[in-house]
Amino acid sequence: MSSKRIDFSSLKAQLHADIKRLLLSWLPNGKVQGGEYLALNPRRNDTHLGSFKINLSSGKWCDFATGDRGGDLISLYAFIKSLSQYKAAVELFNGNFEEK
């Protein structure tokens, strides 16, 4: 893990500046509709777009089918990868988060 202190506010802003590209990488089968990104929830057997949404302006996200939700891209990445928010922030801070 990184020994550097993570500035969460700065990291959130940096991620948000690239929100569409990151969402396409993390949730590749989604689509932009209005001001939201609709995706399949990778943590459940989701087969239809519509219940898992990320707001492109705020970064807030929710799966309306399960009630899972968060307030930014760090919490979304943590949710997708089943990580704590701290471990997710470390990966994001270190740039080790692109899908291969």
C-alpha atoms as a PDB file:
ATOM      1  CA  MET A   1       0.000   0.000   0.000  1.00  0.00           C
ATOM      2  CA  SER A   2       1.002   3.543  -0.509  1.00  0.00           C
ATOM      3  CA  SER A   3       2.774   5.238   2.356  1.00  0.00           C
ATOM      4  CA  LYS A   4       1.565   8.616   1.107  1.00  0.00           C
ATOM      5  CA  ARG A   5      -1.395  10.262   2.753  1.00  0.00           C
ATOM      6  CA  ILE A   6      -4.430  10.261   0.461  1.00  0.00           C
ATOM      7  CA  ASP A   7      -6.286  13.528  -0.019  1.00  0.00           C
ATOM      8  CA  PHE A   8      -9.795  12.132  -0.545  1.00  0.00           C
ATOM      9  CA  SER A   9     -11.250  15.460  -1.743  1.00  0.00           C
ATOM     10  CA  SER A  10      -8.565  15.860  -4.366  1.00  0.00           C
ATOM     11  CA  LEU A  11      -8.863  12.224  -5.443  1.00  0.00           C
ATOM     12  CA  LYS A  12     -12.653  12.534  -5.785  1.00  0.00           C
ATOM     13  CA  ALA A  13     -12.269  15.648  -7.937  1.00  0.00           C
ATOM     14  CA  GLN A  14      -9.629  14.004 -10.118  1.00  0.00           C
ATOM     15  CA  LEU A  15     -11.797  10.925 -10.664  1.00  0.00           C
ATOM     16  CA  HIS A  16     -14.898  12.965 -11.336  1.00  0.00           C
ATOM     17  CA  ALA A  17     -13.113  14.924 -14.066  1.00  0.00           C
ATOM     18  CA  ASP A  18     -12.834  11.610 -15.971  1.00  0.00           C
ATOM     19  CA  ILE A  19     -16.154  10.072 -14.888  1.00  0.00           C
ATOM     20  CA  LYS A  20     -17.435   8.843 -18.260  1.00  0.00           C
ATOM     21  CA  ARG A  21     -14.209   7.098 -19.231  1.00  0.00           C
ATOM     22  CA  LEU A  22     -13.902   5.484 -15.795  1.00  0.00           C
ATOM     23  CA  LEU A  23     -17.493   4.238 -15.827  1.00  0.00           C
ATOM     24  CA  LEU A  24     -17.024   2.765 -19.300  1.00  0.00           C
ATOM     25  CA  SER A  25     -13.919   0.971 -18.014  1.00  0.00           C
ATOM     26  CA  TRP A  26     -15.404  -0.256 -14.730  1.00  0.00           C
ATOM     27  CA  LEU A  27     -18.917  -1.016 -16.024  1.00  0.00           C
ATOM     28  CA  PRO A  28     -18.414  -1.596 -19.770  1.00  0.00           C
ATOM     29  CA  ASN A  29     -21.920  -2.738 -20.683  1.00  0.00           C
ATOM     30  CA  GLY A  30     -23.585   0.476 -19.571  1.00  0.00           C
ATOM     31  CA  LYS A  31     -24.864   3.524 -21.379  1.00  0.00           C
ATOM     32  CA  VAL A  32     -25.395   7.218 -20.821  1.00  0.00           C
ATOM     33  CA  GLN A  33     -29.026   8.231 -20.573  1.00  0.00           C
ATOM     34  CA  GLY A  34     -29.723  11.847 -19.769  1.00  0.00           C
ATOM     35  CA  GLY A  35     -27.526  12.818 -16.839  1.00  0.00           C
ATOM     36  CA  GLU A  36     -26.984   9.242 -15.659  1.00  0.00           C
ATOM     37  CA  TYR A  37     -24.916   6.211 -16.514  1.00  0.00           C
ATOM     38  CA  LEU A  38     -27.006   3.034 -16.467  1.00  0.00           C
ATOM     39  CA  ALA A  39     -25.107  -0.198 -15.904  1.00  0.00           C
ATOM     40  CA  LEU A  40     -25.482  -3.797 -14.883  1.00  0.00           C
ATOM     41  CA  ASN A  41     -24.614  -4.377 -11.249  1.00  0.00           C
ATOM     42  CA  PRO A  42     -21.581  -6.704 -11.312  1.00  0.00           C
ATOM     43  CA  ARG A  43     -22.280  -7.890  -7.759  1.00  0.00           C
ATOM     44  CA  ARG A  44     -25.561  -9.566  -8.599  1.00  0.00           C
ATOM     45  CA  ASN A  45     -27.137 -11.469 -11.482  1.00  0.00           C
ATOM     46  CA  ASP A  46     -28.320  -8.300 -13.183  1.00  0.00           C
ATOM     47  CA  THR A  47     -29.564  -8.734 -16.749  1.00  0.00           C
ATOM     48  CA  HIS A  48     -31.366  -5.458 -17.509  1.00  0.00           C
ATOM     49  CA  LEU A  49     -30.166  -1.874 -17.467  1.00  0.00           C
ATOM     50  CA  GLY A  50     -32.203   0.501 -15.365  1.00  0.00           C
ATOM     51  CA  SER A  51     -31.894  -0.168 -11.661  1.00  0.00           C
ATOM     52  CA  PHE A  52     -28.154   0.511 -11.229  1.00  0.00           C
ATOM     53  CA  LYS A  53     -27.451   4.182 -11.963  1.00  0.00           C
ATOM     54  CA  ILE A  54     -24.624   6.655 -11.476  1.00  0.00           C
ATOM     55  CA  ASN A  55     -25.335  10.388 -11.584  1.00  0.00           C
ATOM     56  CA  LEU A  56     -22.811  11.977 -13.944  1.00  0.00           C
ATOM     57  CA  SER A  57     -22.964  15.373 -12.235  1.00  0.00           C
ATOM     58  CA  SER A  58     -22.540  14.284  -8.628  1.00  0.00           C
ATOM     59  CA  GLY A  59     -21.024  10.789  -8.829  1.00  0.00           C
ATOM     60  CA  LYS A  60     -23.738   9.491  -6.502  1.00  0.00           C
ATOM     61  CA  TRP A  61     -24.873   5.984  -7.363  1.00  0.00           C
ATOM     62  CA  CYS A  62     -27.606   3.564  -6.377  1.00  0.00           C
ATOM     63  CA  ASP A  63     -28.933   0.136  -7.189  1.00  0.00           C
ATOM     64  CA  PHE A  64     -32.647   0.693  -6.753  1.00  0.00           C
ATOM     65  CA  ALA A  65     -33.259  -3.080  -6.792  1.00  0.00           C
ATOM     66  CA  THR A  66     -31.086  -3.738  -3.725  1.00  0.00           C
ATOM     67  CA  GLY A  67     -30.765  -0.372  -1.995  1.00  0.00           C
ATOM     68  CA  ASP A  68     -26.966  -0.327  -2.300  1.00  0.00           C
ATOM     69  CA  ARG A  69     -25.762   3.255  -2.731  1.00  0.00           C
ATOM     70  CA  GLY A  70     -22.875   5.635  -2.354  1.00  0.00           C
ATOM     71  CA  GLY A  71     -21.880   9.229  -2.755  1.00  0.00           C
ATOM     72  CA  ASP A  72     -18.867   9.211  -5.080  1.00  0.00           C
ATOM     73  CA  LEU A  73     -16.656   7.222  -7.425  1.00  0.00           C
ATOM     74  CA  ILE A  74     -14.441   5.974  -4.594  1.00  0.00           C
ATOM     75  CA  SER A  75     -17.396   4.275  -2.926  1.00  0.00           C
ATOM     76  CA  LEU A  76     -18.573   2.945  -6.308  1.00  0.00           C
ATOM     77  CA  TYR A  77     -15.183   1.410  -7.026  1.00  0.00           C
ATOM     78  CA  ALA A  78     -15.093  -0.052  -3.506  1.00  0.00           C
ATOM     79  CA  PHE A  79     -18.538  -1.575  -4.068  1.00  0.00           C
ATOM     80  CA  ILE A  80     -17.683  -3.000  -7.506  1.00  0.00           C
ATOM     81  CA  LYS A  81     -14.426  -4.558  -6.281  1.00  0.00           C
ATOM     82  CA  SER A  82     -15.685  -5.574  -2.800  1.00  0.00           C
ATOM     83  CA  LEU A  83     -13.038  -3.439  -1.096  1.00  0.00           C
ATOM     84  CA  SER A  84     -13.093  -1.124   1.880  1.00  0.00           C
ATOM     85  CA  GLN A  85     -13.256   2.510   0.850  1.00  0.00           C
ATOM     86  CA  TYR A  86      -9.716   3.021   2.114  1.00  0.00           C
ATOM     87  CA  LYS A  87      -8.329   0.139   0.020  1.00  0.00           C
ATOM     88  CA  ALA A  88     -10.297   1.397  -2.980  1.00  0.00           C
ATOM     89  CA  ALA A  89      -8.859   4.886  -2.481  1.00  0.00           C
ATOM     90  CA  VAL A  90      -5.331   3.472  -2.317  1.00  0.00           C
ATOM     91  CA  GLU A  91      -5.816   1.595  -5.619  1.00  0.00           C
ATOM     92  CA  LEU A  92      -7.348   4.638  -7.258  1.00  0.00           C
ATOM     93  CA  PHE A  93      -4.650   6.942  -5.892  1.00  0.00           C
ATOM     94  CA  ASN A  94      -1.940   4.618  -7.216  1.00  0.00           C
ATOM     95  CA  GLY A  95      -3.616   4.323 -10.601  1.00  0.00           C
ATOM     96  CA  ASN A  96      -4.058   0.542 -10.360  1.00  0.00           C
ATOM     97  CA  PHE A  97      -7.712   0.453 -11.342  1.00  0.00           C
ATOM     98  CA  GLU A  98      -8.096   0.183 -15.080  1.00  0.00           C
ATOM     99  CA  GLU A  99      -9.794  -2.941 -16.380  1.00  0.00           C
ATOM    100  CA  LYS A 100      -7.382  -5.002 -18.464  1.00  0.00           C
END
